[in-house]
Amino acid sequence: QVQLQESGPGLVKPSQTLSLVCTVSGESITGDYSGYAWIRQAPGKGLEWIGYIGGSGSSYYSPSFKTRTFLFRDTSKNEVTLRLESLTPEDAAVYYCGRLLSDWRITDWGQGTQVTVSA
């Protein structure tokens, strides 16, 4: 059974950089059958794709995040990290890590981590 756990700071100041870690257990993040996506949900809004990193290590970024987002992984720790730069209050949301299949289905979700952006 695959389990995902997000972790990171709950409060970030405007203009700073957010780093969130998704720790995966139950399978290797280097498998070629899945990837790991970051998705967020702001208050009162729908789910918003940020990007994903595949089992090969290649990454995809949603156009609206492409210029300030980096995804990378630590295979020794089986972790995927989201780095989001130049935060504004509009980036406040619950951030989720999800296990992604090739048909774009999310099969497993982390519990989510709340991020607040405030001075």
Protein backbone atom coordinates (compact mmCIF):
# COMPACT_ATOMS: atom_id res chain seq x y z
CA GLN A 1 0.00 0.00 0.00
CA VAL A 2 1.40 3.36 -1.05
CA GLN A 3 1.34 6.15 1.48
CA LEU A 4 2.24 9.79 0.94
CA GLN A 5 3.02 12.35 3.61
CA GLU A 6 3.49 16.04 2.98
CA SER A 7 5.58 18.17 5.28
CA GLY A 8 6.80 21.74 5.37
CA PRO A 9 6.29 25.13 6.99
CA GLY A 10 2.75 26.19 7.65
CA LEU A 11 3.56 29.88 7.44
CA VAL A 12 5.66 31.65 4.84
CA LYS A 13 6.21 35.36 4.32
CA PRO A 14 5.41 37.08 1.03
CA SER A 15 8.22 36.97 -1.54
CA GLN A 16 9.83 34.00 0.21
CA THR A 17 10.26 30.51 -1.16
CA LEU A 18 8.14 27.56 -0.09
CA SER A 19 9.63 24.09 0.12
CA LEU A 20 7.36 21.12 0.71
CA VAL A 21 8.42 17.51 0.91
CA CYS A 22 6.35 14.49 -0.05
CA THR A 23 7.66 11.34 1.60
CA VAL A 24 6.53 8.18 -0.17
CA SER A 25 6.35 4.77 1.43
CA GLY A 26 5.25 1.47 -0.04
CA GLU A 27 6.93 1.87 -3.43
CA SER A 28 9.99 3.42 -5.00
CA ILE A 29 9.59 6.85 -6.57
CA THR A 30 11.84 5.67 -9.41
CA GLY A 31 9.27 3.23 -10.75
CA ASP A 32 8.40 3.78 -14.41
CA TYR A 33 4.70 3.18 -13.89
CA SER A 34 3.88 6.28 -11.91
CA GLY A 35 4.88 9.73 -10.94
CA TYR A 36 4.14 12.14 -8.16
CA ALA A 37 2.16 15.29 -8.55
CA TRP A 38 1.69 18.42 -6.52
CA ILE A 39 -1.78 19.91 -6.47
CA ARG A 40 -3.21 22.66 -4.33
CA GLN A 41 -6.59 23.95 -3.28
CA ALA A 42 -7.09 27.52 -2.14
CA PRO A 43 -10.04 28.43 0.07
CA GLY A 44 -13.25 28.40 -1.92
CA LYS A 45 -11.53 27.24 -5.10
CA GLY A 46 -11.04 24.01 -6.98
CA LEU A 47 -8.00 21.81 -7.29
CA GLU A 48 -5.10 23.39 -9.14
CA TRP A 49 -2.29 21.39 -10.75
CA ILE A 50 1.21 22.59 -10.04
CA GLY A 51 3.29 19.89 -11.70
CA TYR A 52 4.60 16.39 -11.43
CA ILE A 53 7.81 14.42 -11.52
CA GLY A 54 7.90 11.04 -13.21
CA GLY A 55 9.65 7.86 -12.26
CA SER A 56 12.49 8.71 -14.64
CA GLY A 57 13.00 12.04 -12.92
CA SER A 58 11.56 14.14 -15.72
CA SER A 59 9.21 16.87 -14.63
CA TYR A 60 6.25 18.79 -15.99
CA TYR A 61 5.02 22.15 -14.78
CA SER A 62 1.65 23.73 -15.26
CA PRO A 63 2.11 26.88 -17.39
CA SER A 64 0.90 29.15 -14.64
CA PHE A 65 3.62 27.87 -12.30
CA LYS A 66 6.42 27.17 -14.73
CA THR A 67 8.51 30.26 -14.10
CA ARG A 68 8.73 29.91 -10.32
CA THR A 69 8.38 26.19 -9.58
CA PHE A 70 10.93 23.43 -9.27
CA LEU A 71 10.34 19.78 -8.55
CA PHE A 72 13.15 17.49 -7.59
CA ARG A 73 13.59 14.25 -5.76
CA ASP A 74 15.85 12.46 -3.33
CA THR A 75 15.84 8.81 -4.29
CA SER A 76 17.79 7.81 -1.19
CA LYS A 77 14.96 9.14 0.98
CA ASN A 78 12.16 8.34 -1.46
CA GLU A 79 11.05 11.96 -1.34
CA VAL A 80 9.74 14.47 -3.86
CA THR A 81 10.18 18.16 -3.13
CA LEU A 82 8.20 21.11 -4.37
CA ARG A 83 9.92 24.47 -4.40
CA LEU A 84 7.70 27.47 -5.14
CA GLU A 85 9.30 30.89 -5.31
CA SER A 86 8.08 34.46 -4.89
CA LEU A 87 5.08 33.62 -2.79
CA THR A 88 2.10 35.96 -2.56
CA PRO A 89 -1.00 35.70 -0.36
CA GLU A 90 -2.74 34.11 -3.36
CA ASP A 91 -0.50 31.07 -2.88
CA ALA A 92 -2.15 30.27 0.44
CA ALA A 93 -3.75 26.87 0.05
CA VAL A 94 -3.73 23.27 1.10
CA TYR A 95 -0.97 21.55 -0.84
CA TYR A 96 -1.34 17.89 -1.74
CA CYS A 97 0.99 15.27 -3.03
CA GLY A 98 -0.58 12.60 -5.20
CA ARG A 99 0.51 9.39 -6.88
CA LEU A 100 -0.07 9.81 -10.59
CA LEU A 101 -0.63 7.12 -13.19
CA SER A 102 0.08 7.50 -16.90
CA ASP A 103 -3.62 8.04 -17.61
CA TRP A 104 -3.57 11.09 -15.33
CA ARG A 105 -5.46 9.41 -12.52
CA ILE A 106 -4.41 10.15 -8.97
CA THR A 107 -4.58 6.84 -7.11
CA ASP A 108 -3.32 7.93 -3.71
CA TRP A 109 -3.27 11.25 -1.90
CA GLY A 110 -1.39 12.63 1.03
CA GLN A 111 -3.43 14.26 3.76
CA GLY A 112 -2.43 17.72 2.58
CA THR A 113 -0.55 20.49 4.32
CA GLN A 114 -1.90 23.97 4.94
CA VAL A 115 0.25 26.87 3.81
CA THR A 116 -0.45 30.43 4.88
CA VAL A 117 1.33 33.39 3.28
CA SER A 118 1.49 36.36 5.59
CA ALA A 119 3.96 38.90 6.91
